[in-house]
Every structure is written in structure tokens, then in C-alpha cells.
Amino acid sequence: MSLRLGDKAPNFKAKTSEGEIDFYEYLGDSWGVLFSHPADYTPVCTTELGRTASLKDEFDKRNVKVIALSVDSVESHRGWINDINETQGVEVNFPLIGDENREVAEAYDMIHPNASATATVRSLFVIAPDKTIKLTISYPASTGRNFQEILRVIDSLQLTANYSVSTPADWKDGDPVVIAPAIKNEDIPAKFPKGHTEVKPYLRMTPQPNK
């Protein structure tokens, strides 16, 4: 069965390029990004892992821990990491899970038989500190991820988890946000002292409250 938003992320123990881990212990109280790759030594994935390493400061300031997976071995991962560091001008600074028996891939429904019977699709999960799944994205093998979009969604998830707001289309950190419909008009000034604009009774905008 595929995992859905709000489901508990399955815990697992696995060997990684940085030693054996328990997934929940690795995450601790942080947010998490778990993402998979079809195989080691693949060109698009090489650029993605390099990009992830280069964004360490961005993930750190959002309290996000990153971990990657493919169905190749940890030994293979270590050789691939050398290539990533060399070609992308980075130092890979997060673990790569070795999932040769596909236990983690199957728990997270990362193998889609119509795409490949053996390799993981390019799946990505954002996991909250309570270990619930807040975002899932699956990309085909030919399309690299947009990491600015991943950071944007994390910003939205963290903002909306703490305030009674939603983020509109194409929102980015610092833009106005939508006041939740459950908030009554008379309660808005106390909750959103920066003011608000009523576009329609159901569409009320306010400056981002944590800026």
C-alpha cells in the first residue's frame, strides 16, 4: 500500500555510507527529507546529490536532516560519493542508504513496476518531527529535482504548522499568506496584528506572520 499524507513514516534500520542507523533516531526532533535514486553512478542523480550537499546550510537553518537511498550497496555508494565530490565540487555530508534487499524501498513504495521492476523511482518524502509524512513527490528517472521548490515547500510546511495560515500559488518565503477560513473576522486583529486585506470573504491575505 502506498503511503499518504499524514501517514506515519515507517521506521527502519539500515546500513549507510556513514554507518548503521535507526531512521527515527537519525531524525531525532528534526524535520527529514528521504529521497531515492534509481541506481549509483547515474548522471542525473550525481548532480542531485551534489546539489543537496551544496545546500547543507539551507537545510540546517530549517532544522532538516537529509538522507538518500538507492538499491545498490554501501560499498558502491562510497565509490560513487568520490565521483560526486570530484565532479560537483562538494563534500557529500549526509548518509546514503544501501538497500540491496529493497526493504526500505518497498516500505516506502519506491519501486513502480510500470517504470522499472527493480530500480527505485525518484521519490521524495518530507517528514515532520512527529514522524508523519507531510509531502510526497515522485519524479521520472529522466527529470532532476528542483531543490529550490523542495526548500520552498519546507518553508510553507513549517510556517503553516505554527500559524493559522496557508500559502498561495507560487508563494515564497516573505510573501503574503492566506488566513485560514476558520479564523473569524473579529479575531483577525489579535492573531494578525500586521493587518489584512479581504479580497473575498473566503480569501483574506496578511503579511507573513513570522517575518
C-alpha atoms as a PDB file:
ATOM      1  CA  MET A   1       0.000   0.000   0.000  1.00  0.00           C
ATOM      2  CA  SER A   2       1.335   3.423  -0.883  1.00  0.00           C
ATOM      3  CA  LEU A   3       1.984   5.971   1.840  1.00  0.00           C
ATOM      4  CA  ARG A   4      -0.287   9.009   2.007  1.00  0.00           C
ATOM      5  CA  LEU A   5      -0.007  12.449   3.522  1.00  0.00           C
ATOM      6  CA  GLY A   6      -0.458  12.277   7.268  1.00  0.00           C
ATOM      7  CA  ASP A   7       0.650   8.633   7.481  1.00  0.00           C
ATOM      8  CA  LYS A   8       3.399   7.699   9.911  1.00  0.00           C
ATOM      9  CA  ALA A   9       6.712   7.309   8.095  1.00  0.00           C
ATOM     10  CA  PRO A  10       7.894   3.703   8.550  1.00  0.00           C
ATOM     11  CA  ASN A  11      10.901   3.369  10.790  1.00  0.00           C
ATOM     12  CA  PHE A  12      13.800   1.168   9.691  1.00  0.00           C
ATOM     13  CA  LYS A  13      17.360   0.185  10.483  1.00  0.00           C
ATOM     14  CA  ALA A  14      19.830   0.224   7.606  1.00  0.00           C
ATOM     15  CA  LYS A  15      23.476   0.325   6.678  1.00  0.00           C
ATOM     16  CA  THR A  16      24.558   3.640   5.207  1.00  0.00           C
ATOM     17  CA  SER A  17      27.684   5.341   3.931  1.00  0.00           C
ATOM     18  CA  GLU A  18      28.051   6.797   7.445  1.00  0.00           C
ATOM     19  CA  GLY A  19      27.411   3.577   9.386  1.00  0.00           C
ATOM     20  CA  GLU A  20      24.305   1.768  10.614  1.00  0.00           C
ATOM     21  CA  ILE A  21      21.340   3.949  11.576  1.00  0.00           C
ATOM     22  CA  ASP A  22      17.893   3.750  13.095  1.00  0.00           C
ATOM     23  CA  PHE A  23      15.863   6.171  10.975  1.00  0.00           C
ATOM     24  CA  TYR A  24      13.834   7.679  13.822  1.00  0.00           C
ATOM     25  CA  GLU A  25      16.961   8.105  15.947  1.00  0.00           C
ATOM     26  CA  TYR A  26      18.728   9.743  12.999  1.00  0.00           C
ATOM     27  CA  LEU A  27      15.912  12.267  12.600  1.00  0.00           C
ATOM     28  CA  GLY A  28      15.533  12.973  16.319  1.00  0.00           C
ATOM     29  CA  ASP A  29      13.423  16.117  16.701  1.00  0.00           C
ATOM     30  CA  SER A  30      14.330  17.396  13.246  1.00  0.00           C
ATOM     31  CA  TRP A  31      12.363  17.523  10.036  1.00  0.00           C
ATOM     32  CA  GLY A  32      13.553  14.989   7.482  1.00  0.00           C
ATOM     33  CA  VAL A  33      13.942  14.584   3.732  1.00  0.00           C
ATOM     34  CA  LEU A  34      14.230  10.999   2.493  1.00  0.00           C
ATOM     35  CA  PHE A  35      14.797  10.656  -1.235  1.00  0.00           C
ATOM     36  CA  SER A  36      15.639   7.787  -3.562  1.00  0.00           C
ATOM     37  CA  HIS A  37      17.657   7.263  -6.726  1.00  0.00           C
ATOM     38  CA  PRO A  38      17.336   4.573  -9.403  1.00  0.00           C
ATOM     39  CA  ALA A  39      20.980   3.497  -9.110  1.00  0.00           C
ATOM     40  CA  ASP A  40      24.504   4.613  -8.269  1.00  0.00           C
ATOM     41  CA  TYR A  41      26.681   6.164 -10.955  1.00  0.00           C
ATOM     42  CA  THR A  42      23.701   7.667 -12.786  1.00  0.00           C
ATOM     43  CA  PRO A  43      24.198  11.146 -14.245  1.00  0.00           C
ATOM     44  CA  VAL A  44      21.088  12.996 -13.054  1.00  0.00           C
ATOM     45  CA  CYS A  45      21.410  11.601  -9.538  1.00  0.00           C
ATOM     46  CA  THR A  46      25.056  12.629  -9.409  1.00  0.00           C
ATOM     47  CA  THR A  47      24.006  16.249  -9.937  1.00  0.00           C
ATOM     48  CA  GLU A  48      21.162  15.934  -7.401  1.00  0.00           C
ATOM     49  CA  LEU A  49      23.331  14.602  -4.609  1.00  0.00           C
ATOM     50  CA  GLY A  50      25.898  17.284  -5.340  1.00  0.00           C
ATOM     51  CA  ARG A  51      23.201  19.945  -5.174  1.00  0.00           C
ATOM     52  CA  THR A  52      21.903  18.544  -1.892  1.00  0.00           C
ATOM     53  CA  ALA A  53      25.380  18.679  -0.374  1.00  0.00           C
ATOM     54  CA  SER A  54      25.821  22.286  -1.520  1.00  0.00           C
ATOM     55  CA  LEU A  55      22.564  23.262   0.233  1.00  0.00           C
ATOM     56  CA  LYS A  56      23.594  21.947   3.663  1.00  0.00           C
ATOM     57  CA  ASP A  57      23.382  25.402   5.262  1.00  0.00           C
ATOM     58  CA  GLU A  58      19.861  25.881   3.871  1.00  0.00           C
ATOM     59  CA  PHE A  59      18.693  22.543   5.268  1.00  0.00           C
ATOM     60  CA  ASP A  60      20.436  23.183   8.594  1.00  0.00           C
ATOM     61  CA  LYS A  61      18.745  26.532   9.156  1.00  0.00           C
ATOM     62  CA  ARG A  62      15.378  24.847   8.600  1.00  0.00           C
ATOM     63  CA  ASN A  63      16.287  22.048  11.065  1.00  0.00           C
ATOM     64  CA  VAL A  64      16.102  19.433   8.295  1.00  0.00           C
ATOM     65  CA  LYS A  65      18.133  16.233   8.132  1.00  0.00           C
ATOM     66  CA  VAL A  66      18.621  14.709   4.683  1.00  0.00           C
ATOM     67  CA  ILE A  67      19.155  11.060   3.783  1.00  0.00           C
ATOM     68  CA  ALA A  68      19.275   9.357   0.373  1.00  0.00           C
ATOM     69  CA  LEU A  69      18.714   5.800  -0.809  1.00  0.00           C
ATOM     70  CA  SER A  70      19.340   3.509  -3.739  1.00  0.00           C
ATOM     71  CA  VAL A  71      19.162  -0.265  -4.074  1.00  0.00           C
ATOM     72  CA  ASP A  72      22.929  -0.517  -4.515  1.00  0.00           C
ATOM     73  CA  SER A  73      25.377  -1.438  -1.768  1.00  0.00           C
ATOM     74  CA  VAL A  74      27.072   0.860   0.730  1.00  0.00           C
ATOM     75  CA  GLU A  75      30.412  -0.079  -0.843  1.00  0.00           C
ATOM     76  CA  SER A  76      29.107   1.092  -4.206  1.00  0.00           C
ATOM     77  CA  HIS A  77      27.800   4.286  -2.592  1.00  0.00           C
ATOM     78  CA  ARG A  78      31.237   5.130  -1.208  1.00  0.00           C
ATOM     79  CA  GLY A  79      32.820   4.912  -4.643  1.00  0.00           C
ATOM     80  CA  TRP A  80      30.027   6.999  -6.141  1.00  0.00           C
ATOM     81  CA  ILE A  81      30.414   9.636  -3.416  1.00  0.00           C
ATOM     82  CA  ASN A  82      34.018  10.120  -4.549  1.00  0.00           C
ATOM     83  CA  ASP A  83      32.758  10.828  -8.067  1.00  0.00           C
ATOM     84  CA  ILE A  84      30.079  13.217  -6.770  1.00  0.00           C
ATOM     85  CA  ASN A  85      32.615  15.152  -4.719  1.00  0.00           C
ATOM     86  CA  GLU A  86      35.011  15.336  -7.660  1.00  0.00           C
ATOM     87  CA  THR A  87      32.543  16.328 -10.374  1.00  0.00           C
ATOM     88  CA  GLN A  88      30.218  18.583  -8.356  1.00  0.00           C
ATOM     89  CA  GLY A  89      32.838  20.375  -6.272  1.00  0.00           C
ATOM     90  CA  VAL A  90      31.270  19.357  -2.935  1.00  0.00           C
ATOM     91  CA  GLU A  91      31.747  17.025   0.014  1.00  0.00           C
ATOM     92  CA  VAL A  92      28.696  14.789   0.430  1.00  0.00           C
ATOM     93  CA  ASN A  93      27.621  15.473   4.010  1.00  0.00           C
ATOM     94  CA  PHE A  94      24.635  13.171   4.547  1.00  0.00           C
ATOM     95  CA  PRO A  95      24.158   9.379   4.586  1.00  0.00           C
ATOM     96  CA  LEU A  96      23.318   7.204   1.580  1.00  0.00           C
ATOM     97  CA  ILE A  97      21.330   4.106   2.496  1.00  0.00           C
ATOM     98  CA  GLY A  98      22.350   0.769   0.996  1.00  0.00           C
ATOM     99  CA  ASP A  99      19.088  -1.045   0.245  1.00  0.00           C
ATOM    100  CA  GLU A 100      20.144  -4.123  -1.719  1.00  0.00           C
ATOM    101  CA  ASN A 101      17.264  -6.209  -0.357  1.00  0.00           C
ATOM    102  CA  ARG A 102      14.813  -3.368  -1.166  1.00  0.00           C
ATOM    103  CA  GLU A 103      13.242  -3.445   2.293  1.00  0.00           C
ATOM    104  CA  VAL A 104      13.166   0.332   2.678  1.00  0.00           C
ATOM    105  CA  ALA A 105      12.192   0.859  -0.971  1.00  0.00           C
ATOM    106  CA  GLU A 106       9.228  -1.460  -0.545  1.00  0.00           C
ATOM    107  CA  ALA A 107       8.163   0.051   2.793  1.00  0.00           C
ATOM    108  CA  TYR A 108       8.045   3.470   1.106  1.00  0.00           C
ATOM    109  CA  ASP A 109       6.601   2.163  -2.204  1.00  0.00           C
ATOM    110  CA  MET A 110       9.583   3.474  -4.155  1.00  0.00           C
ATOM    111  CA  ILE A 111       9.505   0.751  -6.818  1.00  0.00           C
ATOM    112  CA  HIS A 112       6.881   1.365  -9.509  1.00  0.00           C
ATOM    113  CA  PRO A 113       6.740  -1.699 -11.785  1.00  0.00           C
ATOM    114  CA  ASN A 114       5.471   0.240 -14.809  1.00  0.00           C
ATOM    115  CA  ALA A 115       8.596   2.408 -14.601  1.00  0.00           C
ATOM    116  CA  SER A 116      11.068  -0.281 -13.522  1.00  0.00           C
ATOM    117  CA  ALA A 117      10.630  -3.654 -11.877  1.00  0.00           C
ATOM    118  CA  THR A 118      13.919  -3.410  -9.996  1.00  0.00           C
ATOM    119  CA  ALA A 119      15.024   0.216  -9.562  1.00  0.00           C
ATOM    120  CA  THR A 120      13.506   2.867  -7.316  1.00  0.00           C
ATOM    121  CA  VAL A 121      11.766   5.828  -8.887  1.00  0.00           C
ATOM    122  CA  ARG A 122      12.981   9.251  -7.834  1.00  0.00           C
ATOM    123  CA  SER A 123      10.744   9.557  -4.748  1.00  0.00           C
ATOM    124  CA  LEU A 124      10.997  12.244  -2.104  1.00  0.00           C
ATOM    125  CA  PHE A 125       9.339  12.435   1.305  1.00  0.00           C
ATOM    126  CA  VAL A 126       9.282  15.363   3.717  1.00  0.00           C
ATOM    127  CA  ILE A 127       8.750  14.096   7.265  1.00  0.00           C
ATOM    128  CA  ALA A 128       7.766  16.262  10.245  1.00  0.00           C
ATOM    129  CA  PRO A 129       9.289  15.942  13.734  1.00  0.00           C
ATOM    130  CA  ASP A 130       6.275  13.821  14.783  1.00  0.00           C
ATOM    131  CA  LYS A 131       7.312  11.364  12.016  1.00  0.00           C
ATOM    132  CA  THR A 132       4.245  11.999   9.850  1.00  0.00           C
ATOM    133  CA  ILE A 133       4.618  12.394   6.102  1.00  0.00           C
ATOM    134  CA  LYS A 134       3.895  15.970   5.012  1.00  0.00           C
ATOM    135  CA  LEU A 135       4.904  15.821   1.322  1.00  0.00           C
ATOM    136  CA  THR A 136       5.498  13.175  -1.324  1.00  0.00           C
ATOM    137  CA  ILE A 137       6.859  13.802  -4.826  1.00  0.00           C
ATOM    138  CA  SER A 138       7.812  11.208  -7.427  1.00  0.00           C
ATOM    139  CA  TYR A 139       9.888  12.155 -10.448  1.00  0.00           C
ATOM    140  CA  PRO A 140      10.685  10.043 -13.505  1.00  0.00           C
ATOM    141  CA  ALA A 141      14.285   8.935 -13.909  1.00  0.00           C
ATOM    142  CA  SER A 142      14.879  11.480 -16.674  1.00  0.00           C
ATOM    143  CA  THR A 143      13.905  14.588 -14.674  1.00  0.00           C
ATOM    144  CA  GLY A 144      16.102  16.072 -11.961  1.00  0.00           C
ATOM    145  CA  ARG A 145      14.535  17.584  -8.895  1.00  0.00           C
ATOM    146  CA  ASN A 146      14.092  21.318  -8.322  1.00  0.00           C
ATOM    147  CA  PHE A 147      15.690  21.803  -4.916  1.00  0.00           C
ATOM    148  CA  GLN A 148      14.522  25.391  -4.601  1.00  0.00           C
ATOM    149  CA  GLU A 149      10.969  24.034  -4.794  1.00  0.00           C
ATOM    150  CA  ILE A 150      11.757  21.497  -2.074  1.00  0.00           C
ATOM    151  CA  LEU A 151      13.091  24.256   0.197  1.00  0.00           C
ATOM    152  CA  ARG A 152      10.043  26.413  -0.652  1.00  0.00           C
ATOM    153  CA  VAL A 153       7.650  23.634   0.356  1.00  0.00           C
ATOM    154  CA  ILE A 154       9.529  23.044   3.605  1.00  0.00           C
ATOM    155  CA  ASP A 155       9.227  26.778   4.370  1.00  0.00           C
ATOM    156  CA  SER A 156       5.476  26.540   3.748  1.00  0.00           C
ATOM    157  CA  LEU A 157       5.056  23.396   5.828  1.00  0.00           C
ATOM    158  CA  GLN A 158       6.935  24.869   8.773  1.00  0.00           C
ATOM    159  CA  LEU A 159       5.064  28.177   8.565  1.00  0.00           C
ATOM    160  CA  THR A 160       1.604  26.633   8.302  1.00  0.00           C
ATOM    161  CA  ALA A 161       2.357  24.180  11.124  1.00  0.00           C
ATOM    162  CA  ASN A 162       2.808  27.120  13.509  1.00  0.00           C
ATOM    163  CA  TYR A 163       0.289  29.707  12.286  1.00  0.00           C
ATOM    164  CA  SER A 164      -3.343  29.599  11.102  1.00  0.00           C
ATOM    165  CA  VAL A 165      -2.419  30.363   7.506  1.00  0.00           C
ATOM    166  CA  SER A 166      -1.982  28.740   4.101  1.00  0.00           C
ATOM    167  CA  THR A 167       0.392  29.728   1.318  1.00  0.00           C
ATOM    168  CA  PRO A 168      -0.989  30.761  -2.103  1.00  0.00           C
ATOM    169  CA  ALA A 169       0.169  29.770  -5.573  1.00  0.00           C
ATOM    170  CA  ASP A 170       3.844  30.488  -6.283  1.00  0.00           C
ATOM    171  CA  TRP A 171       4.351  31.688  -2.688  1.00  0.00           C
ATOM    172  CA  LYS A 172       7.885  32.067  -1.449  1.00  0.00           C
ATOM    173  CA  ASP A 173       9.272  32.965   1.954  1.00  0.00           C
ATOM    174  CA  GLY A 174       8.373  36.573   2.773  1.00  0.00           C
ATOM    175  CA  ASP A 175       5.284  36.816   0.561  1.00  0.00           C
ATOM    176  CA  PRO A 176       1.738  37.462   1.891  1.00  0.00           C
ATOM    177  CA  VAL A 177      -0.209  34.429   3.087  1.00  0.00           C
ATOM    178  CA  VAL A 178      -3.843  33.355   3.277  1.00  0.00           C
ATOM    179  CA  ILE A 179      -5.677  33.498   6.617  1.00  0.00           C
ATOM    180  CA  ALA A 180      -7.333  30.178   7.459  1.00  0.00           C
ATOM    181  CA  PRO A 181     -11.115  30.195   6.811  1.00  0.00           C
ATOM    182  CA  ALA A 182     -11.744  29.024  10.379  1.00  0.00           C
ATOM    183  CA  ILE A 183     -10.485  32.357  11.753  1.00  0.00           C
ATOM    184  CA  LYS A 184     -13.397  34.773  12.298  1.00  0.00           C
ATOM    185  CA  ASN A 185     -13.017  38.354  11.044  1.00  0.00           C
ATOM    186  CA  GLU A 186     -13.304  39.736  14.567  1.00  0.00           C
ATOM    187  CA  ASP A 187     -10.395  37.570  15.698  1.00  0.00           C
ATOM    188  CA  ILE A 188      -8.015  38.601  12.918  1.00  0.00           C
ATOM    189  CA  PRO A 189      -6.558  41.780  14.516  1.00  0.00           C
ATOM    190  CA  ALA A 190      -5.401  39.891  17.594  1.00  0.00           C
ATOM    191  CA  LYS A 191      -3.948  36.990  15.628  1.00  0.00           C
ATOM    192  CA  PHE A 192      -2.514  39.011  12.747  1.00  0.00           C
ATOM    193  CA  PRO A 193      -1.563  42.474  14.035  1.00  0.00           C
ATOM    194  CA  LYS A 194       0.212  43.379  10.783  1.00  0.00           C
ATOM    195  CA  GLY A 195      -3.210  43.871   9.202  1.00  0.00           C
ATOM    196  CA  HIS A 196      -5.027  42.082   6.422  1.00  0.00           C
ATOM    197  CA  THR A 197      -6.772  42.572   3.089  1.00  0.00           C
ATOM    198  CA  GLU A 198     -10.131  40.981   2.320  1.00  0.00           C
ATOM    199  CA  VAL A 199     -10.118  40.082  -1.378  1.00  0.00           C
ATOM    200  CA  LYS A 200     -13.271  38.000  -0.912  1.00  0.00           C
ATOM    201  CA  PRO A 201     -14.894  36.847   2.335  1.00  0.00           C
ATOM    202  CA  TYR A 202     -13.163  33.488   1.837  1.00  0.00           C
ATOM    203  CA  LEU A 203      -9.856  34.980   0.623  1.00  0.00           C
ATOM    204  CA  ARG A 204      -8.152  37.118   3.250  1.00  0.00           C
ATOM    205  CA  MET A 205      -4.477  37.964   2.923  1.00  0.00           C
ATOM    206  CA  THR A 206      -1.998  39.027   5.584  1.00  0.00           C
ATOM    207  CA  PRO A 207       1.764  39.651   5.688  1.00  0.00           C
ATOM    208  CA  GLN A 208       3.748  36.569   6.639  1.00  0.00           C
ATOM    209  CA  PRO A 209       3.402  36.498  10.444  1.00  0.00           C
ATOM    210  CA  ASN A 210       6.916  35.309  11.324  1.00  0.00           C
ATOM    211  CA  LYS A 211       8.742  37.978   9.314  1.00  0.00           C
END
